[in-house]
Amino acid sequence: MKIPKRYYSLIFGALIGLIMSFLMSFFVTVVNIGFVSDFLGRWLKAFLFTFPIGFPISIIVTPFIKKIVDNITKD
């Protein structure tokens, strides 16, 4: 089952926000505390805090970034 193209920006932003929050929270947690015994819990807490911030930002920014990239690239 495929999703209609009209949801492209929303899905794209959601996936980018999810992946970026996941990876950034991981690396920032590693840098700040290292691999301690409760690392997984701290990382999950950081991820759950960052995703609600990263998701709407990526949804808002995605159309602008697409326009910028379209303007600076050619076929």
PDB file of N, CA and C in Angstrom:
ATOM      1  N   MET A   1       0.842  -1.186   0.000  1.00  0.00           N
ATOM      2  CA  MET A   1       0.000   0.000   0.000  1.00  0.00           C
ATOM      3  C   MET A   1       0.883   1.243   0.000  1.00  0.00           C
ATOM      4  N   LYS A   2       0.626   2.124  -0.921  1.00  0.00           N
ATOM      5  CA  LYS A   2       1.400   3.359  -1.009  1.00  0.00           C
ATOM      6  C   LYS A   2       0.586   4.534  -0.480  1.00  0.00           C
ATOM      7  N   ILE A   3       1.320   5.527  -0.014  1.00  0.00           N
ATOM      8  CA  ILE A   3       0.720   6.740   0.555  1.00  0.00           C
ATOM      9  C   ILE A   3       0.653   7.796  -0.550  1.00  0.00           C
ATOM     10  N   PRO A   4      -0.429   8.569  -0.630  1.00  0.00           N
ATOM     11  CA  PRO A   4      -0.531   9.608  -1.662  1.00  0.00           C
ATOM     12  C   PRO A   4       0.607  10.642  -1.576  1.00  0.00           C
ATOM     13  N   LYS A   5       1.019  11.123  -2.744  1.00  0.00           N
ATOM     14  CA  LYS A   5       2.124  12.089  -2.836  1.00  0.00           C
ATOM     15  C   LYS A   5       1.870  13.376  -2.059  1.00  0.00           C
ATOM     16  N   ARG A   6       0.626  13.724  -1.820  1.00  0.00           N
ATOM     17  CA  ARG A   6       0.343  14.976  -1.106  1.00  0.00           C
ATOM     18  C   ARG A   6       0.893  14.949   0.320  1.00  0.00           C
ATOM     19  N   TYR A   7       1.207  13.768   0.827  1.00  0.00           N
ATOM     20  CA  TYR A   7       1.772  13.635   2.169  1.00  0.00           C
ATOM     21  C   TYR A   7       3.297  13.544   2.150  1.00  0.00           C
ATOM     22  N   TYR A   8       3.893  13.754   0.989  1.00  0.00           N
ATOM     23  CA  TYR A   8       5.337  13.602   0.823  1.00  0.00           C
ATOM     24  C   TYR A   8       6.130  14.421   1.842  1.00  0.00           C
ATOM     25  N   SER A   9       5.845  15.716   1.930  1.00  0.00           N
ATOM     26  CA  SER A   9       6.618  16.581   2.832  1.00  0.00           C
ATOM     27  C   SER A   9       6.442  16.176   4.289  1.00  0.00           C
ATOM     28  N   LEU A  10       5.250  15.793   4.656  1.00  0.00           N
ATOM     29  CA  LEU A  10       4.989  15.371   6.026  1.00  0.00           C
ATOM     30  C   LEU A  10       5.755  14.089   6.361  1.00  0.00           C
ATOM     31  N   ILE A  11       5.701  13.119   5.479  1.00  0.00           N
ATOM     32  CA  ILE A  11       6.403  11.850   5.714  1.00  0.00           C
ATOM     33  C   ILE A  11       7.909  12.047   5.671  1.00  0.00           C
ATOM     34  N   PHE A  12       8.374  12.821   4.698  1.00  0.00           N
ATOM     35  CA  PHE A  12       9.799  13.105   4.587  1.00  0.00           C
ATOM     36  C   PHE A  12      10.296  13.789   5.865  1.00  0.00           C
ATOM     37  N   GLY A  13       9.578  14.807   6.309  1.00  0.00           N
ATOM     38  CA  GLY A  13       9.965  15.522   7.519  1.00  0.00           C
ATOM     39  C   GLY A  13       9.921  14.638   8.747  1.00  0.00           C
ATOM     40  N   ALA A  14       8.914  13.776   8.820  1.00  0.00           N
ATOM     41  CA  ALA A  14       8.802  12.868   9.964  1.00  0.00           C
ATOM     42  C   ALA A  14       9.980  11.903  10.018  1.00  0.00           C
ATOM     43  N   LEU A  15      10.333  11.339   8.874  1.00  0.00           N
ATOM     44  CA  LEU A  15      11.458  10.402   8.847  1.00  0.00           C
ATOM     45  C   LEU A  15      12.788  11.089   9.127  1.00  0.00           C
ATOM     46  N   ILE A  16      12.976  12.262   8.544  1.00  0.00           N
ATOM     47  CA  ILE A  16      14.209  13.009   8.817  1.00  0.00           C
ATOM     48  C   ILE A  16      14.267  13.387  10.291  1.00  0.00           C
ATOM     49  N   GLY A  17      13.171  13.872  10.835  1.00  0.00           N
ATOM     50  CA  GLY A  17      13.133  14.241  12.251  1.00  0.00           C
ATOM     51  C   GLY A  17      13.403  13.055  13.152  1.00  0.00           C
ATOM     52  N   LEU A  18      12.828  11.911  12.823  1.00  0.00           N
ATOM     53  CA  LEU A  18      13.033  10.703  13.611  1.00  0.00           C
ATOM     54  C   LEU A  18      14.495  10.259  13.574  1.00  0.00           C
ATOM     55  N   ILE A  19      15.041  10.144  12.385  1.00  0.00           N
ATOM     56  CA  ILE A  19      16.427   9.682  12.235  1.00  0.00           C
ATOM     57  C   ILE A  19      17.412  10.671  12.855  1.00  0.00           C
ATOM     58  N   MET A  20      17.218  11.954  12.597  1.00  0.00           N
ATOM     59  CA  MET A  20      18.127  12.958  13.156  1.00  0.00           C
ATOM     60  C   MET A  20      18.051  12.990  14.687  1.00  0.00           C
ATOM     61  N   SER A  21      16.867  12.947  15.242  1.00  0.00           N
ATOM     62  CA  SER A  21      16.726  12.947  16.699  1.00  0.00           C
ATOM     63  C   SER A  21      17.346  11.692  17.307  1.00  0.00           C
ATOM     64  N   PHE A  22      17.119  10.562  16.658  1.00  0.00           N
ATOM     65  CA  PHE A  22      17.667   9.293  17.122  1.00  0.00           C
ATOM     66  C   PHE A  22      19.193   9.341  17.170  1.00  0.00           C
ATOM     67  N   LEU A  23      19.799   9.746  16.058  1.00  0.00           N
ATOM     68  CA  LEU A  23      21.261   9.771  15.971  1.00  0.00           C
ATOM     69  C   LEU A  23      21.889  10.883  16.809  1.00  0.00           C
ATOM     70  N   MET A  24      21.313  12.075  16.746  1.00  0.00           N
ATOM     71  CA  MET A  24      21.890  13.189  17.502  1.00  0.00           C
ATOM     72  C   MET A  24      21.796  12.948  19.001  1.00  0.00           C
ATOM     73  N   SER A  25      20.662  12.429  19.470  1.00  0.00           N
ATOM     74  CA  SER A  25      20.541  12.157  20.901  1.00  0.00           C
ATOM     75  C   SER A  25      21.538  11.078  21.324  1.00  0.00           C
ATOM     76  N   PHE A  26      21.775  10.102  20.451  1.00  0.00           N
ATOM     77  CA  PHE A  26      22.762   9.066  20.749  1.00  0.00           C
ATOM     78  C   PHE A  26      24.156   9.667  20.914  1.00  0.00           C
ATOM     79  N   PHE A  27      24.599  10.435  19.912  1.00  0.00           N
ATOM     80  CA  PHE A  27      25.956  10.965  19.948  1.00  0.00           C
ATOM     81  C   PHE A  27      26.149  12.009  21.042  1.00  0.00           C
ATOM     82  N   VAL A  28      25.165  12.838  21.267  1.00  0.00           N
ATOM     83  CA  VAL A  28      25.283  13.830  22.340  1.00  0.00           C
ATOM     84  C   VAL A  28      25.327  13.134  23.701  1.00  0.00           C
ATOM     85  N   THR A  29      24.549  12.079  23.869  1.00  0.00           N
ATOM     86  CA  THR A  29      24.579  11.329  25.123  1.00  0.00           C
ATOM     87  C   THR A  29      25.933  10.659  25.312  1.00  0.00           C
ATOM     88  N   VAL A  30      26.477  10.075  24.263  1.00  0.00           N
ATOM     89  CA  VAL A  30      27.807   9.453  24.349  1.00  0.00           C
ATOM     90  C   VAL A  30      28.853  10.489  24.728  1.00  0.00           C
ATOM     91  N   VAL A  31      28.832  11.638  24.082  1.00  0.00           N
ATOM     92  CA  VAL A  31      29.825  12.682  24.359  1.00  0.00           C
ATOM     93  C   VAL A  31      29.697  13.190  25.793  1.00  0.00           C
ATOM     94  N   ASN A  32      28.479  13.381  26.263  1.00  0.00           N
ATOM     95  CA  ASN A  32      28.276  13.956  27.589  1.00  0.00           C
ATOM     96  C   ASN A  32      28.526  12.991  28.736  1.00  0.00           C
ATOM     97  N   ILE A  33      28.123  11.714  28.598  1.00  0.00           N
ATOM     98  CA  ILE A  33      28.251  10.806  29.737  1.00  0.00           C
ATOM     99  C   ILE A  33      29.037   9.539  29.430  1.00  0.00           C
ATOM    100  N   GLY A  34      29.309   9.270  28.150  1.00  0.00           N
ATOM    101  CA  GLY A  34      29.990   8.029  27.789  1.00  0.00           C
ATOM    102  C   GLY A  34      29.034   6.849  27.893  1.00  0.00           C
ATOM    103  N   PHE A  35      29.590   5.656  27.781  1.00  0.00           N
ATOM    104  CA  PHE A  35      28.776   4.441  27.864  1.00  0.00           C
ATOM    105  C   PHE A  35      28.720   3.959  29.314  1.00  0.00           C
ATOM    106  N   VAL A  36      27.850   4.567  30.083  1.00  0.00           N
ATOM    107  CA  VAL A  36      27.672   4.208  31.489  1.00  0.00           C
ATOM    108  C   VAL A  36      26.607   3.118  31.611  1.00  0.00           C
ATOM    109  N   SER A  37      26.435   2.586  32.812  1.00  0.00           N
ATOM    110  CA  SER A  37      25.517   1.463  33.010  1.00  0.00           C
ATOM    111  C   SER A  37      24.067   1.797  32.659  1.00  0.00           C
ATOM    112  N   ASP A  38      23.650   3.028  32.877  1.00  0.00           N
ATOM    113  CA  ASP A  38      22.268   3.404  32.545  1.00  0.00           C
ATOM    114  C   ASP A  38      22.181   4.224  31.250  1.00  0.00           C
ATOM    115  N   PHE A  39      23.138   3.966  30.354  1.00  0.00           N
ATOM    116  CA  PHE A  39      23.203   4.706  29.088  1.00  0.00           C
ATOM    117  C   PHE A  39      21.906   4.606  28.291  1.00  0.00           C
ATOM    118  N   LEU A  40      21.393   3.402  28.151  1.00  0.00           N
ATOM    119  CA  LEU A  40      20.202   3.198  27.327  1.00  0.00           C
ATOM    120  C   LEU A  40      19.010   4.022  27.825  1.00  0.00           C
ATOM    121  N   GLY A  41      18.800   4.047  29.128  1.00  0.00           N
ATOM    122  CA  GLY A  41      17.710   4.837  29.695  1.00  0.00           C
ATOM    123  C   GLY A  41      17.907   6.327  29.484  1.00  0.00           C
ATOM    124  N   ARG A  42      19.137   6.780  29.657  1.00  0.00           N
ATOM    125  CA  ARG A  42      19.421   8.208  29.446  1.00  0.00           C
ATOM    126  C   ARG A  42      19.272   8.597  27.988  1.00  0.00           C
ATOM    127  N   TRP A  43      19.725   7.705  27.109  1.00  0.00           N
ATOM    128  CA  TRP A  43      19.601   7.977  25.679  1.00  0.00           C
ATOM    129  C   TRP A  43      18.130   8.022  25.272  1.00  0.00           C
ATOM    130  N   LEU A  44      17.339   7.076  25.761  1.00  0.00           N
ATOM    131  CA  LEU A  44      15.914   7.068  25.449  1.00  0.00           C
ATOM    132  C   LEU A  44      15.244   8.344  25.953  1.00  0.00           C
ATOM    133  N   LYS A  45      15.605   8.768  27.135  1.00  0.00           N
ATOM    134  CA  LYS A  45      15.048  10.011  27.686  1.00  0.00           C
ATOM    135  C   LYS A  45      15.415  11.203  26.793  1.00  0.00           C
ATOM    136  N   ALA A  46      16.680  11.258  26.357  1.00  0.00           N
ATOM    137  CA  ALA A  46      17.120  12.343  25.472  1.00  0.00           C
ATOM    138  C   ALA A  46      16.381  12.290  24.136  1.00  0.00           C
ATOM    139  N   PHE A  47      16.220  11.081  23.599  1.00  0.00           N
ATOM    140  CA  PHE A  47      15.514  10.929  22.330  1.00  0.00           C
ATOM    141  C   PHE A  47      14.056  11.361  22.462  1.00  0.00           C
ATOM    142  N   LEU A  48      13.395  10.936  23.521  1.00  0.00           N
ATOM    143  CA  LEU A  48      11.991  11.297  23.724  1.00  0.00           C
ATOM    144  C   LEU A  48      11.817  12.798  23.947  1.00  0.00           C
ATOM    145  N   PHE A  49      12.864  13.456  24.399  1.00  0.00           N
ATOM    146  CA  PHE A  49      12.827  14.912  24.554  1.00  0.00           C
ATOM    147  C   PHE A  49      13.085  15.614  23.224  1.00  0.00           C
ATOM    148  N   THR A  50      14.023  15.091  22.428  1.00  0.00           N
ATOM    149  CA  THR A  50      14.416  15.782  21.196  1.00  0.00           C
ATOM    150  C   THR A  50      13.470  15.540  20.027  1.00  0.00           C
ATOM    151  N   PHE A  51      12.842  14.360  19.958  1.00  0.00           N
ATOM    152  CA  PHE A  51      11.980  14.083  18.811  1.00  0.00           C
ATOM    153  C   PHE A  51      10.797  15.043  18.701  1.00  0.00           C
ATOM    154  N   PRO A  52      10.093  15.357  19.787  1.00  0.00           N
ATOM    155  CA  PRO A  52       8.984  16.317  19.652  1.00  0.00           C
ATOM    156  C   PRO A  52       9.440  17.713  19.221  1.00  0.00           C
ATOM    157  N   ILE A  53      10.711  17.999  19.392  1.00  0.00           N
ATOM    158  CA  ILE A  53      11.258  19.283  18.925  1.00  0.00           C
ATOM    159  C   ILE A  53      11.704  19.149  17.469  1.00  0.00           C
ATOM    160  N   GLY A  54      12.426  18.071  17.172  1.00  0.00           N
ATOM    161  CA  GLY A  54      12.959  17.869  15.829  1.00  0.00           C
ATOM    162  C   GLY A  54      11.903  17.611  14.772  1.00  0.00           C
ATOM    163  N   PHE A  55      10.839  16.926  15.136  1.00  0.00           N
ATOM    164  CA  PHE A  55       9.803  16.593  14.165  1.00  0.00           C
ATOM    165  C   PHE A  55       9.135  17.834  13.579  1.00  0.00           C
ATOM    166  N   PRO A  56       8.575  18.740  14.393  1.00  0.00           N
ATOM    167  CA  PRO A  56       7.938  19.910  13.781  1.00  0.00           C
ATOM    168  C   PRO A  56       8.929  20.821  13.057  1.00  0.00           C
ATOM    169  N   ILE A  57      10.142  20.900  13.578  1.00  0.00           N
ATOM    170  CA  ILE A  57      11.149  21.723  12.895  1.00  0.00           C
ATOM    171  C   ILE A  57      11.415  21.156  11.506  1.00  0.00           C
ATOM    172  N   SER A  58      11.580  19.843  11.408  1.00  0.00           N
ATOM    173  CA  SER A  58      11.856  19.249  10.096  1.00  0.00           C
ATOM    174  C   SER A  58      10.672  19.395   9.148  1.00  0.00           C
ATOM    175  N   ILE A  59       9.455  19.336   9.665  1.00  0.00           N
ATOM    176  CA  ILE A  59       8.265  19.528   8.828  1.00  0.00           C
ATOM    177  C   ILE A  59       8.227  20.955   8.288  1.00  0.00           C
ATOM    178  N   ILE A  60       8.546  21.916   9.113  1.00  0.00           N
ATOM    179  CA  ILE A  60       8.516  23.323   8.711  1.00  0.00           C
ATOM    180  C   ILE A  60       9.644  23.645   7.742  1.00  0.00           C
ATOM    181  N   VAL A  61      10.822  23.096   7.976  1.00  0.00           N
ATOM    182  CA  VAL A  61      12.017  23.440   7.201  1.00  0.00           C
ATOM    183  C   VAL A  61      12.081  22.701   5.861  1.00  0.00           C
ATOM    184  N   THR A  62      11.512  21.513   5.771  1.00  0.00           N
ATOM    185  CA  THR A  62      11.632  20.693   4.567  1.00  0.00           C
ATOM    186  C   THR A  62      11.249  21.417   3.272  1.00  0.00           C
ATOM    187  N   PRO A  63      10.104  22.089   3.183  1.00  0.00           N
ATOM    188  CA  PRO A  63       9.771  22.756   1.907  1.00  0.00           C
ATOM    189  C   PRO A  63      10.763  23.861   1.531  1.00  0.00           C
ATOM    190  N   PHE A  64      11.278  24.579   2.517  1.00  0.00           N
ATOM    191  CA  PHE A  64      12.246  25.639   2.229  1.00  0.00           C
ATOM    192  C   PHE A  64      13.570  25.058   1.740  1.00  0.00           C
ATOM    193  N   ILE A  65      14.002  23.992   2.363  1.00  0.00           N
ATOM    194  CA  ILE A  65      15.251  23.351   1.946  1.00  0.00           C
ATOM    195  C   ILE A  65      15.107  22.791   0.534  1.00  0.00           C
ATOM    196  N   LYS A  66      13.955  22.190   0.232  1.00  0.00           N
ATOM    197  CA  LYS A  66      13.726  21.668  -1.117  1.00  0.00           C
ATOM    198  C   LYS A  66      13.812  22.785  -2.152  1.00  0.00           C
ATOM    199  N   LYS A  67      13.243  23.951  -1.848  1.00  0.00           N
ATOM    200  CA  LYS A  67      13.294  25.080  -2.786  1.00  0.00           C
ATOM    201  C   LYS A  67      14.725  25.571  -2.975  1.00  0.00           C
ATOM    202  N   ILE A  68      15.477  25.652  -1.905  1.00  0.00           N
ATOM    203  CA  ILE A  68      16.873  26.093  -1.989  1.00  0.00           C
ATOM    204  C   ILE A  68      17.676  25.117  -2.856  1.00  0.00           C
ATOM    205  N   VAL A  69      17.515  23.834  -2.594  1.00  0.00           N
ATOM    206  CA  VAL A  69      18.250  22.826  -3.366  1.00  0.00           C
ATOM    207  C   VAL A  69      17.819  22.842  -4.826  1.00  0.00           C
ATOM    208  N   ASP A  70      16.531  23.005  -5.086  1.00  0.00           N
ATOM    209  CA  ASP A  70      16.057  23.108  -6.467  1.00  0.00           C
ATOM    210  C   ASP A  70      16.682  24.303  -7.179  1.00  0.00           C
ATOM    211  N   ASN A  71      16.864  25.413  -6.458  1.00  0.00           N
ATOM    212  CA  ASN A  71      17.434  26.615  -7.064  1.00  0.00           C
ATOM    213  C   ASN A  71      18.936  26.523  -7.310  1.00  0.00           C
ATOM    214  N   ILE A  72      19.636  25.719  -6.544  1.00  0.00           N
ATOM    215  CA  ILE A  72      21.091  25.655  -6.714  1.00  0.00           C
ATOM    216  C   ILE A  72      21.565  24.417  -7.480  1.00  0.00           C
ATOM    217  N   THR A  73      20.616  23.604  -7.936  1.00  0.00           N
ATOM    218  CA  THR A  73      20.988  22.430  -8.738  1.00  0.00           C
ATOM    219  C   THR A  73      20.286  22.510 -10.103  1.00  0.00           C
ATOM    220  N   LYS A  74      20.758  21.690 -11.019  1.00  0.00           N
ATOM    221  CA  LYS A  74      20.140  21.634 -12.352  1.00  0.00           C
ATOM    222  C   LYS A  74      19.991  20.192 -12.781  1.00  0.00           C
ATOM    223  N   ASP A  75      19.133  19.969 -13.785  1.00  0.00           N
ATOM    224  CA  ASP A  75      18.892  18.612 -14.300  1.00  0.00           C
ATOM    225  C   ASP A  75      20.062  18.142 -15.130  1.00  0.00           C
TER     226      ASP A  75
END
